[in-house]
Amino acid sequence: MDDYQRARLALQRCRTRHAPDSRVAVFDAAVESEDGELLLRGTVSTHELETHAKLAVEQATGRPVTSELSVLADERAEQTIQVAVAPVRSDSDAEVEQVTQVLYGASVAAFDRDGDWIRIRTPDDYLGWVEAGVLTSPQADTTDATLAHEICPDELAHPIYAGTECRIDGEEIVFRTGSTIARSDFESKSELEPDRAVRHSPKNPTGEAVVEIARQFFGTEYDWGGMTTDGIDCSGLAWISYQVNGISLPRDADQQRAMGETVSRGELLPGDLLFFPGHVAISLGGDEYIHAYGGDDAVVINSFDSDHDDYLADLDEKFELARRLI
């Protein structure tokens, strides 16, 4: 085995140990030999990963290594989203998979560019690519509230979806883009009571409040990576329902299942998260739960009660665990 092979294996081990989840970390490092010198080239998220990669190759080969890695942290720029919702892709190509979405006014970190595409980190730490035109420099830095219902305000040419962060400034609602709408205008067009339409991050959120948001999405079309009433997936429904109530979750179901404390299925309360292989639902309390279900291509309510009309035997049998966050 030559030094190049040893170096390649060392980088693979390093990636497995220090950056195993490509959704939240970039470790695209490769070793090249030039004039007898070992060079590291590619892209990593942080200088810490660069150090790990360099040390791994040096230990494996017993030779000094020069790093020419591009480090995303050096290119970081704070940006926000200036469209109603922006698809985030797994690569810089409109034809590849949508992995998630980011809402209007979201705070994102922008990194490297590939043509008309920019790599970003979303508010839930997801790394992916958006078209450059959806980004703009933030004009307002702070937020203290979240929209609990979507509207189409006269001041903007697009809807604003539930889960969008904002700041309440007197009688105005201010977004990171710098745009404002009158609070009275928003509340008059909302189907919610005024004190529920724009929600300050609650100090003591409740499971019932989580369920209240989830129910707004009932009947919404299932869309992989979706986050709005135009289309949503199972973990997106959980994310939005908790986000409106001041609790930030990771984006995907396998990440969300690490949150909270395990509870038994016989003790379920509203807002508890229910996990199945590759799937998450929100308990309504007791036997019923709401979820964005690919089998129905929509957000639906089902039951663990075998005598219920909406009983799903398949999910009943595949239930794995429940987690309580509140």
C-alpha atoms as a PDB file:
ATOM      1  CA  MET A   1       0.000   0.000   0.000  1.00  0.00           C
ATOM      2  CA  ASP A   2       1.481   3.360  -1.034  1.00  0.00           C
ATOM      3  CA  ASP A   3       1.200   6.682   0.786  1.00  0.00           C
ATOM      4  CA  TYR A   4      -1.592   7.859  -1.479  1.00  0.00           C
ATOM      5  CA  GLN A   5      -3.783   4.871  -0.555  1.00  0.00           C
ATOM      6  CA  ARG A   6      -2.992   5.318   3.136  1.00  0.00           C
ATOM      7  CA  ALA A   7      -3.888   8.983   2.899  1.00  0.00           C
ATOM      8  CA  ARG A   8      -7.170   8.271   1.131  1.00  0.00           C
ATOM      9  CA  LEU A   9      -8.219   5.750   3.768  1.00  0.00           C
ATOM     10  CA  ALA A  10      -7.190   8.157   6.539  1.00  0.00           C
ATOM     11  CA  LEU A  11      -9.449  10.851   5.075  1.00  0.00           C
ATOM     12  CA  GLN A  12     -12.334   8.405   4.853  1.00  0.00           C
ATOM     13  CA  ARG A  13     -11.883   7.484   8.533  1.00  0.00           C
ATOM     14  CA  CYS A  14     -11.625  11.169   9.418  1.00  0.00           C
ATOM     15  CA  ARG A  15     -14.872  11.953   7.623  1.00  0.00           C
ATOM     16  CA  THR A  16     -16.651   9.087   9.389  1.00  0.00           C
ATOM     17  CA  ARG A  17     -15.423  10.255  12.789  1.00  0.00           C
ATOM     18  CA  HIS A  18     -15.647  14.033  12.559  1.00  0.00           C
ATOM     19  CA  ALA A  19     -18.198  14.814   9.812  1.00  0.00           C
ATOM     20  CA  PRO A  20     -20.476  11.795   9.397  1.00  0.00           C
ATOM     21  CA  ASP A  21     -23.615  13.787   8.531  1.00  0.00           C
ATOM     22  CA  SER A  22     -23.304  15.630   5.229  1.00  0.00           C
ATOM     23  CA  ARG A  23     -26.525  17.521   5.994  1.00  0.00           C
ATOM     24  CA  VAL A  24     -24.739  19.632   8.601  1.00  0.00           C
ATOM     25  CA  ALA A  25     -21.043  19.420   7.696  1.00  0.00           C
ATOM     26  CA  VAL A  26     -18.967  19.511   4.512  1.00  0.00           C
ATOM     27  CA  PHE A  27     -15.921  17.248   4.265  1.00  0.00           C
ATOM     28  CA  ASP A  28     -14.976  17.008   0.593  1.00  0.00           C
ATOM     29  CA  ALA A  29     -11.249  16.583   1.118  1.00  0.00           C
ATOM     30  CA  ALA A  30      -8.917  14.677  -1.180  1.00  0.00           C
ATOM     31  CA  VAL A  31      -5.165  14.126  -1.224  1.00  0.00           C
ATOM     32  CA  GLU A  32      -2.980  14.752  -4.249  1.00  0.00           C
ATOM     33  CA  SER A  33       0.706  14.299  -4.871  1.00  0.00           C
ATOM     34  CA  GLU A  34       2.584  17.090  -6.622  1.00  0.00           C
ATOM     35  CA  ASP A  35       6.369  17.067  -7.085  1.00  0.00           C
ATOM     36  CA  GLY A  36       6.593  14.499  -4.294  1.00  0.00           C
ATOM     37  CA  GLU A  37       4.573  16.660  -1.876  1.00  0.00           C
ATOM     38  CA  LEU A  38       1.230  15.605  -0.415  1.00  0.00           C
ATOM     39  CA  LEU A  39      -1.460  18.267  -0.832  1.00  0.00           C
ATOM     40  CA  LEU A  40      -4.956  18.434   0.600  1.00  0.00           C
ATOM     41  CA  ARG A  41      -7.502  19.950  -1.766  1.00  0.00           C
ATOM     42  CA  GLY A  42     -11.259  20.336  -1.701  1.00  0.00           C
ATOM     43  CA  THR A  43     -13.710  21.929   0.725  1.00  0.00           C
ATOM     44  CA  VAL A  44     -14.482  21.537   4.429  1.00  0.00           C
ATOM     45  CA  SER A  45     -16.834  23.420   6.740  1.00  0.00           C
ATOM     46  CA  THR A  46     -14.428  24.586   9.426  1.00  0.00           C
ATOM     47  CA  HIS A  47     -10.775  25.023  10.281  1.00  0.00           C
ATOM     48  CA  GLU A  48     -11.233  22.312  12.898  1.00  0.00           C
ATOM     49  CA  LEU A  49     -12.087  19.826  10.148  1.00  0.00           C
ATOM     50  CA  GLU A  50      -9.101  21.074   8.157  1.00  0.00           C
ATOM     51  CA  THR A  51      -6.842  20.368  11.157  1.00  0.00           C
ATOM     52  CA  HIS A  52      -8.335  16.901  11.623  1.00  0.00           C
ATOM     53  CA  ALA A  53      -7.825  16.072   7.940  1.00  0.00           C
ATOM     54  CA  LYS A  54      -4.235  17.286   7.868  1.00  0.00           C
ATOM     55  CA  LEU A  55      -3.315  15.419  11.060  1.00  0.00           C
ATOM     56  CA  ALA A  56      -4.990  12.209   9.874  1.00  0.00           C
ATOM     57  CA  VAL A  57      -2.963  12.128   6.651  1.00  0.00           C
ATOM     58  CA  GLU A  58       0.309  12.995   8.386  1.00  0.00           C
ATOM     59  CA  GLN A  59      -0.170  10.233  10.934  1.00  0.00           C
ATOM     60  CA  ALA A  60      -1.093   7.701   8.255  1.00  0.00           C
ATOM     61  CA  THR A  61       1.837   8.479   5.953  1.00  0.00           C
ATOM     62  CA  GLY A  62       4.506   9.824   8.293  1.00  0.00           C
ATOM     63  CA  ARG A  63       4.971  12.707   5.868  1.00  0.00           C
ATOM     64  CA  PRO A  64       4.250  16.433   6.100  1.00  0.00           C
ATOM     65  CA  VAL A  65       1.073  17.583   4.376  1.00  0.00           C
ATOM     66  CA  THR A  66       0.234  20.973   2.905  1.00  0.00           C
ATOM     67  CA  SER A  67      -3.404  22.048   3.121  1.00  0.00           C
ATOM     68  CA  GLU A  68      -4.918  23.928   0.207  1.00  0.00           C
ATOM     69  CA  LEU A  69      -8.431  23.221   1.442  1.00  0.00           C
ATOM     70  CA  SER A  70     -11.142  25.810   1.000  1.00  0.00           C
ATOM     71  CA  VAL A  71     -12.778  26.444   4.391  1.00  0.00           C
ATOM     72  CA  LEU A  72     -16.407  27.564   4.217  1.00  0.00           C
ATOM     73  CA  ALA A  73     -16.185  29.418   7.522  1.00  0.00           C
ATOM     74  CA  ASP A  74     -13.830  31.911   5.857  1.00  0.00           C
ATOM     75  CA  GLU A  75     -16.469  32.805   3.272  1.00  0.00           C
ATOM     76  CA  ARG A  76     -19.433  33.149   5.632  1.00  0.00           C
ATOM     77  CA  ALA A  77     -21.769  36.083   5.020  1.00  0.00           C
ATOM     78  CA  GLU A  78     -25.037  36.773   6.832  1.00  0.00           C
ATOM     79  CA  GLN A  79     -27.984  36.850   4.445  1.00  0.00           C
ATOM     80  CA  THR A  80     -31.761  36.553   4.495  1.00  0.00           C
ATOM     81  CA  ILE A  81     -34.453  35.223   2.163  1.00  0.00           C
ATOM     82  CA  GLN A  82     -36.367  37.750   0.041  1.00  0.00           C
ATOM     83  CA  VAL A  83     -38.950  35.385  -1.498  1.00  0.00           C
ATOM     84  CA  ALA A  84     -41.918  33.707   0.193  1.00  0.00           C
ATOM     85  CA  VAL A  85     -40.141  30.370   0.346  1.00  0.00           C
ATOM     86  CA  ALA A  86     -36.887  29.161  -1.191  1.00  0.00           C
ATOM     87  CA  PRO A  87     -36.178  25.525  -2.121  1.00  0.00           C
ATOM     88  CA  VAL A  88     -32.874  24.245  -0.775  1.00  0.00           C
ATOM     89  CA  ARG A  89     -31.235  21.674  -3.054  1.00  0.00           C
ATOM     90  CA  SER A  90     -28.685  18.977  -2.318  1.00  0.00           C
ATOM     91  CA  ASP A  91     -26.459  20.375  -5.089  1.00  0.00           C
ATOM     92  CA  SER A  92     -26.183  23.461  -7.278  1.00  0.00           C
ATOM     93  CA  ASP A  93     -28.743  22.219  -9.788  1.00  0.00           C
ATOM     94  CA  ALA A  94     -32.474  22.885 -10.071  1.00  0.00           C
ATOM     95  CA  GLU A  95     -33.065  19.281 -11.121  1.00  0.00           C
ATOM     96  CA  VAL A  96     -31.676  17.637  -7.981  1.00  0.00           C
ATOM     97  CA  GLU A  97     -33.575  16.793  -4.819  1.00  0.00           C
ATOM     98  CA  GLN A  98     -35.138  19.480  -2.651  1.00  0.00           C
ATOM     99  CA  VAL A  99     -33.873  18.692   0.843  1.00  0.00           C
ATOM    100  CA  THR A 100     -35.725  21.457   2.704  1.00  0.00           C
ATOM    101  CA  GLN A 101     -37.072  24.992   2.316  1.00  0.00           C
ATOM    102  CA  VAL A 102     -36.374  28.330   4.001  1.00  0.00           C
ATOM    103  CA  LEU A 103     -39.028  30.925   4.666  1.00  0.00           C
ATOM    104  CA  TYR A 104     -39.134  34.645   3.969  1.00  0.00           C
ATOM    105  CA  GLY A 105     -36.855  36.660   6.222  1.00  0.00           C
ATOM    106  CA  ALA A 106     -35.006  33.629   7.572  1.00  0.00           C
ATOM    107  CA  SER A 107     -31.482  34.203   8.863  1.00  0.00           C
ATOM    108  CA  VAL A 108     -29.066  32.144   6.770  1.00  0.00           C
ATOM    109  CA  ALA A 109     -25.307  31.934   6.416  1.00  0.00           C
ATOM    110  CA  ALA A 110     -24.076  32.101   2.808  1.00  0.00           C
ATOM    111  CA  PHE A 111     -20.807  30.485   1.731  1.00  0.00           C
ATOM    112  CA  ASP A 112     -19.324  29.559  -1.637  1.00  0.00           C
ATOM    113  CA  ARG A 113     -20.861  30.123  -5.048  1.00  0.00           C
ATOM    114  CA  ASP A 114     -21.239  27.839  -8.064  1.00  0.00           C
ATOM    115  CA  GLY A 115     -22.581  29.810 -10.991  1.00  0.00           C
ATOM    116  CA  ASP A 116     -26.052  31.056 -10.093  1.00  0.00           C
ATOM    117  CA  TRP A 117     -26.136  28.984  -6.898  1.00  0.00           C
ATOM    118  CA  ILE A 118     -24.931  29.736  -3.372  1.00  0.00           C
ATOM    119  CA  ARG A 119     -24.372  27.243  -0.591  1.00  0.00           C
ATOM    120  CA  ILE A 120     -26.137  28.222   2.643  1.00  0.00           C
ATOM    121  CA  ARG A 121     -26.683  27.023   6.189  1.00  0.00           C
ATOM    122  CA  THR A 122     -30.362  27.216   7.139  1.00  0.00           C
ATOM    123  CA  PRO A 123     -31.687  28.199  10.586  1.00  0.00           C
ATOM    124  CA  ASP A 124     -31.873  24.495  11.489  1.00  0.00           C
ATOM    125  CA  ASP A 125     -28.196  23.995  10.472  1.00  0.00           C
ATOM    126  CA  TYR A 126     -28.951  22.247   7.183  1.00  0.00           C
ATOM    127  CA  LEU A 127     -26.389  22.803   4.432  1.00  0.00           C
ATOM    128  CA  GLY A 128     -27.632  23.080   0.880  1.00  0.00           C
ATOM    129  CA  TRP A 129     -27.832  25.213  -2.253  1.00  0.00           C
ATOM    130  CA  VAL A 130     -30.216  28.009  -3.218  1.00  0.00           C
ATOM    131  CA  GLU A 131     -30.420  30.204  -6.275  1.00  0.00           C
ATOM    132  CA  ALA A 132     -28.502  33.421  -5.646  1.00  0.00           C
ATOM    133  CA  GLY A 133     -31.504  35.609  -6.456  1.00  0.00           C
ATOM    134  CA  VAL A 134     -33.432  34.513  -3.349  1.00  0.00           C
ATOM    135  CA  LEU A 135     -30.821  36.063  -1.034  1.00  0.00           C
ATOM    136  CA  THR A 136     -30.389  39.626   0.150  1.00  0.00           C
ATOM    137  CA  SER A 137     -28.543  41.432   2.927  1.00  0.00           C
ATOM    138  CA  PRO A 138     -30.552  41.666   6.165  1.00  0.00           C
ATOM    139  CA  GLN A 139     -31.817  45.102   7.140  1.00  0.00           C
ATOM    140  CA  ALA A 140     -33.157  44.099  10.564  1.00  0.00           C
ATOM    141  CA  ASP A 141     -31.040  41.927  12.825  1.00  0.00           C
ATOM    142  CA  THR A 142     -33.355  40.887  15.623  1.00  0.00           C
ATOM    143  CA  THR A 143     -36.667  39.022  15.826  1.00  0.00           C
ATOM    144  CA  ASP A 144     -38.914  38.426  18.815  1.00  0.00           C
ATOM    145  CA  ALA A 145     -41.993  36.774  17.344  1.00  0.00           C
ATOM    146  CA  THR A 146     -43.226  34.253  14.782  1.00  0.00           C
ATOM    147  CA  LEU A 147     -46.222  34.340  12.472  1.00  0.00           C
ATOM    148  CA  ALA A 148     -48.694  31.671  13.519  1.00  0.00           C
ATOM    149  CA  HIS A 149     -50.784  31.913  10.351  1.00  0.00           C
ATOM    150  CA  GLU A 150     -50.108  32.751   6.723  1.00  0.00           C
ATOM    151  CA  ILE A 151     -51.512  35.760   4.888  1.00  0.00           C
ATOM    152  CA  CYS A 152     -51.053  37.652   1.630  1.00  0.00           C
ATOM    153  CA  PRO A 153     -50.392  41.238   2.797  1.00  0.00           C
ATOM    154  CA  ASP A 154     -51.060  44.156   0.476  1.00  0.00           C
ATOM    155  CA  GLU A 155     -47.539  45.449   1.129  1.00  0.00           C
ATOM    156  CA  LEU A 156     -45.857  42.389  -0.400  1.00  0.00           C
ATOM    157  CA  ALA A 157     -46.317  40.584  -3.692  1.00  0.00           C
ATOM    158  CA  HIS A 158     -46.254  37.131  -2.120  1.00  0.00           C
ATOM    159  CA  PRO A 159     -47.713  35.250   0.844  1.00  0.00           C
ATOM    160  CA  ILE A 160     -45.987  35.047   4.207  1.00  0.00           C
ATOM    161  CA  TYR A 161     -46.178  31.594   5.713  1.00  0.00           C
ATOM    162  CA  ALA A 162     -46.659  30.356   9.263  1.00  0.00           C
ATOM    163  CA  GLY A 163     -43.295  29.961  10.955  1.00  0.00           C
ATOM    164  CA  THR A 164     -41.881  33.184   9.497  1.00  0.00           C
ATOM    165  CA  GLU A 165     -39.838  35.111  12.059  1.00  0.00           C
ATOM    166  CA  CYS A 166     -40.433  38.807  12.626  1.00  0.00           C
ATOM    167  CA  ARG A 167     -40.207  41.613  15.170  1.00  0.00           C
ATOM    168  CA  ILE A 168     -43.158  43.438  16.647  1.00  0.00           C
ATOM    169  CA  ASP A 169     -42.308  47.140  16.659  1.00  0.00           C
ATOM    170  CA  GLY A 170     -45.280  49.058  18.024  1.00  0.00           C
ATOM    171  CA  GLU A 171     -48.035  48.718  15.439  1.00  0.00           C
ATOM    172  CA  GLU A 172     -45.735  47.307  12.762  1.00  0.00           C
ATOM    173  CA  ILE A 173     -44.429  43.847  12.005  1.00  0.00           C
ATOM    174  CA  VAL A 174     -40.827  44.061  10.777  1.00  0.00           C
ATOM    175  CA  PHE A 175     -39.009  41.338   8.823  1.00  0.00           C
ATOM    176  CA  ARG A 176     -35.258  40.842   8.395  1.00  0.00           C
ATOM    177  CA  THR A 177     -35.552  42.058   4.809  1.00  0.00           C
ATOM    178  CA  GLY A 178     -36.528  45.472   6.174  1.00  0.00           C
ATOM    179  CA  SER A 179     -40.101  45.137   4.875  1.00  0.00           C
ATOM    180  CA  THR A 180     -42.927  46.016   7.247  1.00  0.00           C
ATOM    181  CA  ILE A 181     -46.656  45.401   7.413  1.00  0.00           C
ATOM    182  CA  ALA A 182     -49.219  46.922   9.725  1.00  0.00           C
ATOM    183  CA  ARG A 183     -50.014  44.621  12.611  1.00  0.00           C
ATOM    184  CA  SER A 184     -53.703  45.500  12.361  1.00  0.00           C
ATOM    185  CA  ASP A 185     -53.680  44.543   8.670  1.00  0.00           C
ATOM    186  CA  PHE A 186     -52.182  41.166   9.449  1.00  0.00           C
ATOM    187  CA  GLU A 187     -54.558  40.436  12.302  1.00  0.00           C
ATOM    188  CA  SER A 188     -57.634  41.511  10.347  1.00  0.00           C
ATOM    189  CA  LYS A 189     -56.760  39.039   7.580  1.00  0.00           C
ATOM    190  CA  SER A 190     -55.815  36.192   9.896  1.00  0.00           C
ATOM    191  CA  GLU A 191     -58.256  33.475  10.829  1.00  0.00           C
ATOM    192  CA  LEU A 192     -56.756  33.473  14.332  1.00  0.00           C
ATOM    193  CA  GLU A 193     -57.596  35.717  17.250  1.00  0.00           C
ATOM    194  CA  PRO A 194     -55.371  38.838  17.280  1.00  0.00           C
ATOM    195  CA  ASP A 195     -53.276  37.707  20.234  1.00  0.00           C
ATOM    196  CA  ARG A 196     -52.621  34.369  18.506  1.00  0.00           C
ATOM    197  CA  ALA A 197     -51.827  35.632  15.000  1.00  0.00           C
ATOM    198  CA  VAL A 198     -48.339  36.939  15.727  1.00  0.00           C
ATOM    199  CA  ARG A 199     -46.813  34.997  18.545  1.00  0.00           C
ATOM    200  CA  HIS A 200     -44.006  36.148  20.831  1.00  0.00           C
ATOM    201  CA  SER A 201     -41.730  33.247  21.731  1.00  0.00           C
ATOM    202  CA  PRO A 202     -43.655  31.843  24.713  1.00  0.00           C
ATOM    203  CA  LYS A 203     -41.819  31.212  27.968  1.00  0.00           C
ATOM    204  CA  ASN A 204     -44.047  28.230  28.715  1.00  0.00           C
ATOM    205  CA  PRO A 205     -45.203  26.657  25.445  1.00  0.00           C
ATOM    206  CA  THR A 206     -47.775  23.897  25.632  1.00  0.00           C
ATOM    207  CA  GLY A 207     -48.399  20.731  23.682  1.00  0.00           C
ATOM    208  CA  GLU A 208     -51.888  21.990  22.896  1.00  0.00           C
ATOM    209  CA  ALA A 209     -50.369  25.073  21.218  1.00  0.00           C
ATOM    210  CA  VAL A 210     -48.131  22.811  19.129  1.00  0.00           C
ATOM    211  CA  VAL A 211     -51.163  20.817  18.019  1.00  0.00           C
ATOM    212  CA  GLU A 212     -53.027  24.040  17.194  1.00  0.00           C
ATOM    213  CA  ILE A 213     -50.379  24.933  14.618  1.00  0.00           C
ATOM    214  CA  ALA A 214     -50.167  21.406  13.222  1.00  0.00           C
ATOM    215  CA  ARG A 215     -53.945  21.327  12.647  1.00  0.00           C
ATOM    216  CA  GLN A 216     -53.652  24.371  10.354  1.00  0.00           C
ATOM    217  CA  PHE A 217     -51.860  22.110   7.892  1.00  0.00           C
ATOM    218  CA  PHE A 218     -54.600  19.453   7.810  1.00  0.00           C
ATOM    219  CA  GLY A 219     -55.175  18.469   4.183  1.00  0.00           C
ATOM    220  CA  THR A 220     -51.930  20.068   2.969  1.00  0.00           C
ATOM    221  CA  GLU A 221     -50.301  18.162   0.118  1.00  0.00           C
ATOM    222  CA  TYR A 222     -47.298  16.007   1.027  1.00  0.00           C
ATOM    223  CA  ASP A 223     -44.074  17.401  -0.445  1.00  0.00           C
ATOM    224  CA  TRP A 224     -40.614  16.034   0.322  1.00  0.00           C
ATOM    225  CA  GLY A 225     -38.630  18.861   1.941  1.00  0.00           C
ATOM    226  CA  GLY A 226     -41.695  21.117   2.080  1.00  0.00           C
ATOM    227  CA  MET A 227     -42.370  23.596   4.918  1.00  0.00           C
ATOM    228  CA  THR A 228     -45.604  25.407   3.961  1.00  0.00           C
ATOM    229  CA  THR A 229     -49.316  24.890   3.303  1.00  0.00           C
ATOM    230  CA  ASP A 230     -48.399  24.555  -0.376  1.00  0.00           C
ATOM    231  CA  GLY A 231     -46.635  21.315   0.547  1.00  0.00           C
ATOM    232  CA  ILE A 232     -44.991  19.849   3.625  1.00  0.00           C
ATOM    233  CA  ASP A 233     -43.315  16.652   4.804  1.00  0.00           C
ATOM    234  CA  CYS A 234     -43.534  14.865   8.135  1.00  0.00           C
ATOM    235  CA  SER A 235     -40.512  16.429   9.819  1.00  0.00           C
ATOM    236  CA  GLY A 236     -41.360  19.825   8.325  1.00  0.00           C
ATOM    237  CA  LEU A 237     -44.743  19.679  10.047  1.00  0.00           C
ATOM    238  CA  ALA A 238     -43.075  18.911  13.379  1.00  0.00           C
ATOM    239  CA  TRP A 239     -40.484  21.666  12.807  1.00  0.00           C
ATOM    240  CA  ILE A 240     -43.040  24.390  11.990  1.00  0.00           C
ATOM    241  CA  SER A 241     -45.411  23.400  14.802  1.00  0.00           C
ATOM    242  CA  TYR A 242     -42.653  23.729  17.382  1.00  0.00           C
ATOM    243  CA  GLN A 243     -40.944  26.724  15.745  1.00  0.00           C
ATOM    244  CA  VAL A 244     -44.062  28.854  16.075  1.00  0.00           C
ATOM    245  CA  ASN A 245     -44.044  27.967  19.759  1.00  0.00           C
ATOM    246  CA  GLY A 246     -40.459  29.077  20.316  1.00  0.00           C
ATOM    247  CA  ILE A 247     -38.762  25.676  20.174  1.00  0.00           C
ATOM    248  CA  SER A 248     -36.224  25.032  17.404  1.00  0.00           C
ATOM    249  CA  LEU A 249     -35.930  21.437  16.220  1.00  0.00           C
ATOM    250  CA  PRO A 250     -33.447  19.812  13.857  1.00  0.00           C
ATOM    251  CA  ARG A 251     -34.877  19.452  10.363  1.00  0.00           C
ATOM    252  CA  ASP A 252     -35.160  15.691   9.801  1.00  0.00           C
ATOM    253  CA  ALA A 253     -37.026  12.951  11.652  1.00  0.00           C
ATOM    254  CA  ASP A 254     -33.910  10.958  12.555  1.00  0.00           C
ATOM    255  CA  GLN A 255     -32.430  14.107  14.126  1.00  0.00           C
ATOM    256  CA  GLN A 256     -35.656  15.090  15.892  1.00  0.00           C
ATOM    257  CA  ARG A 257     -35.896  11.749  17.673  1.00  0.00           C
ATOM    258  CA  ALA A 258     -32.888  12.718  19.793  1.00  0.00           C
ATOM    259  CA  MET A 259     -34.867  15.606  21.321  1.00  0.00           C
ATOM    260  CA  GLY A 260     -36.820  15.473  24.578  1.00  0.00           C
ATOM    261  CA  GLU A 261     -37.505  12.486  26.817  1.00  0.00           C
ATOM    262  CA  THR A 262     -38.943   9.087  25.985  1.00  0.00           C
ATOM    263  CA  VAL A 263     -42.529   8.429  27.102  1.00  0.00           C
ATOM    264  CA  SER A 264     -44.652   5.312  26.794  1.00  0.00           C
ATOM    265  CA  ARG A 265     -47.377   5.047  24.193  1.00  0.00           C
ATOM    266  CA  GLY A 266     -49.961   4.633  26.937  1.00  0.00           C
ATOM    267  CA  GLU A 267     -49.126   8.073  28.358  1.00  0.00           C
ATOM    268  CA  LEU A 268     -49.214  10.224  25.232  1.00  0.00           C
ATOM    269  CA  LEU A 269     -50.085  13.915  25.555  1.00  0.00           C
ATOM    270  CA  PRO A 270     -50.757  16.533  22.854  1.00  0.00           C
ATOM    271  CA  GLY A 271     -47.529  17.624  21.174  1.00  0.00           C
ATOM    272  CA  ASP A 272     -45.533  14.461  21.872  1.00  0.00           C
ATOM    273  CA  LEU A 273     -43.537  13.345  18.835  1.00  0.00           C
ATOM    274  CA  LEU A 274     -44.142   9.801  17.586  1.00  0.00           C
ATOM    275  CA  PHE A 275     -41.438   8.026  15.622  1.00  0.00           C
ATOM    276  CA  PHE A 276     -41.592   5.254  13.071  1.00  0.00           C
ATOM    277  CA  PRO A 277     -38.917   4.093  10.605  1.00  0.00           C
ATOM    278  CA  GLY A 278     -38.084   7.260   8.624  1.00  0.00           C
ATOM    279  CA  HIS A 279     -41.225   9.052   9.821  1.00  0.00           C
ATOM    280  CA  VAL A 280     -42.499  11.366  12.571  1.00  0.00           C
ATOM    281  CA  ALA A 281     -46.009  12.306  13.703  1.00  0.00           C
ATOM    282  CA  ILE A 282     -47.451  14.631  16.362  1.00  0.00           C
ATOM    283  CA  SER A 283     -49.687  13.159  19.038  1.00  0.00           C
ATOM    284  CA  LEU A 284     -53.076  14.774  19.601  1.00  0.00           C
ATOM    285  CA  GLY A 285     -53.202  13.021  22.963  1.00  0.00           C
ATOM    286  CA  GLY A 286     -54.395   9.467  23.482  1.00  0.00           C
ATOM    287  CA  ASP A 287     -54.633   7.350  20.328  1.00  0.00           C
ATOM    288  CA  GLU A 288     -54.880  10.047  17.645  1.00  0.00           C
ATOM    289  CA  TYR A 289     -51.995  11.725  15.827  1.00  0.00           C
ATOM    290  CA  ILE A 290     -51.502  14.156  12.949  1.00  0.00           C
ATOM    291  CA  HIS A 291     -48.779  13.758  10.337  1.00  0.00           C
ATOM    292  CA  ALA A 292     -47.743  14.510   6.782  1.00  0.00           C
ATOM    293  CA  TYR A 293     -48.103  11.019   5.396  1.00  0.00           C
ATOM    294  CA  GLY A 294     -46.707   9.961   2.058  1.00  0.00           C
ATOM    295  CA  GLY A 295     -49.186   7.090   1.905  1.00  0.00           C
ATOM    296  CA  ASP A 296     -52.035   9.597   1.666  1.00  0.00           C
ATOM    297  CA  ASP A 297     -49.983  12.358  -0.012  1.00  0.00           C
ATOM    298  CA  ALA A 298     -51.360  14.787   2.570  1.00  0.00           C
ATOM    299  CA  VAL A 299     -51.448  15.868   6.194  1.00  0.00           C
ATOM    300  CA  VAL A 300     -53.957  13.536   7.841  1.00  0.00           C
ATOM    301  CA  ILE A 301     -55.129  12.415  11.267  1.00  0.00           C
ATOM    302  CA  ASN A 302     -54.861   8.737  12.144  1.00  0.00           C
ATOM    303  CA  SER A 303     -55.323   6.570  15.195  1.00  0.00           C
ATOM    304  CA  PHE A 304     -53.689   3.723  17.081  1.00  0.00           C
ATOM    305  CA  ASP A 305     -57.169   2.430  17.945  1.00  0.00           C
ATOM    306  CA  SER A 306     -57.875  -0.595  15.752  1.00  0.00           C
ATOM    307  CA  ASP A 307     -61.628   0.125  15.942  1.00  0.00           C
ATOM    308  CA  HIS A 308     -61.193   3.673  14.617  1.00  0.00           C
ATOM    309  CA  ASP A 309     -62.028   4.412  10.971  1.00  0.00           C
ATOM    310  CA  ASP A 310     -58.618   6.092  10.563  1.00  0.00           C
ATOM    311  CA  TYR A 311     -56.599   3.242  12.074  1.00  0.00           C
ATOM    312  CA  LEU A 312     -53.355   2.441  10.213  1.00  0.00           C
ATOM    313  CA  ALA A 313     -52.205  -1.077  11.037  1.00  0.00           C
ATOM    314  CA  ASP A 314     -48.899  -0.558   9.271  1.00  0.00           C
ATOM    315  CA  LEU A 315     -47.864   2.389  11.451  1.00  0.00           C
ATOM    316  CA  ASP A 316     -49.279   0.769  14.581  1.00  0.00           C
ATOM    317  CA  GLU A 317     -46.968  -2.185  14.033  1.00  0.00           C
ATOM    318  CA  LYS A 318     -43.960  -0.031  13.110  1.00  0.00           C
ATOM    319  CA  PHE A 319     -44.208   2.421  16.021  1.00  0.00           C
ATOM    320  CA  GLU A 320     -40.767   2.785  17.629  1.00  0.00           C
ATOM    321  CA  LEU A 321     -40.883   5.435  20.345  1.00  0.00           C
ATOM    322  CA  ALA A 322     -42.447   8.668  21.570  1.00  0.00           C
ATOM    323  CA  ARG A 323     -40.555  11.748  22.777  1.00  0.00           C
ATOM    324  CA  ARG A 324     -41.892  14.570  24.940  1.00  0.00           C
ATOM    325  CA  LEU A 325     -40.311  18.000  24.488  1.00  0.00           C
ATOM    326  CA  ILE A 326     -42.695  20.082  26.598  1.00  0.00           C
END
